[in-house]
Amino acid sequence: MTADLPDRNELLRRFFAGVTEHAFAIRMGVADPPLVDVISYMSLFDKHYRGFMRGQINTEDVVYFLSICFVFLMLASRFMAARRWR
């Protein structure tokens, strides 16, 4: 029964393939405007990092980077806790 389910690597490959496909669609200008707005807001270098490169510290950018750090630290702790119980 579990042989039909994709493994973790397959799910990651599909996820990153989808992200890459959407990135190319946005660059080529064929994506819908709401999707372009969401992905451009989540863009690391285009929107949030340029102010830091110029020496400007914007509260919105700091909150963005802190939230990204929080999400990935939370995911890492969840994976470590799950690995401990295996």
Foldseek 3Di string as FASTA:
>chain_A
DCVPPDDPVVVVVVVVVVVVVVVVCVVVPNDDVVSNVVVCVLDLPPPQCVCVVVVHDDPVSVVSVVVVVVVVVVVVVVVVVVVVVD
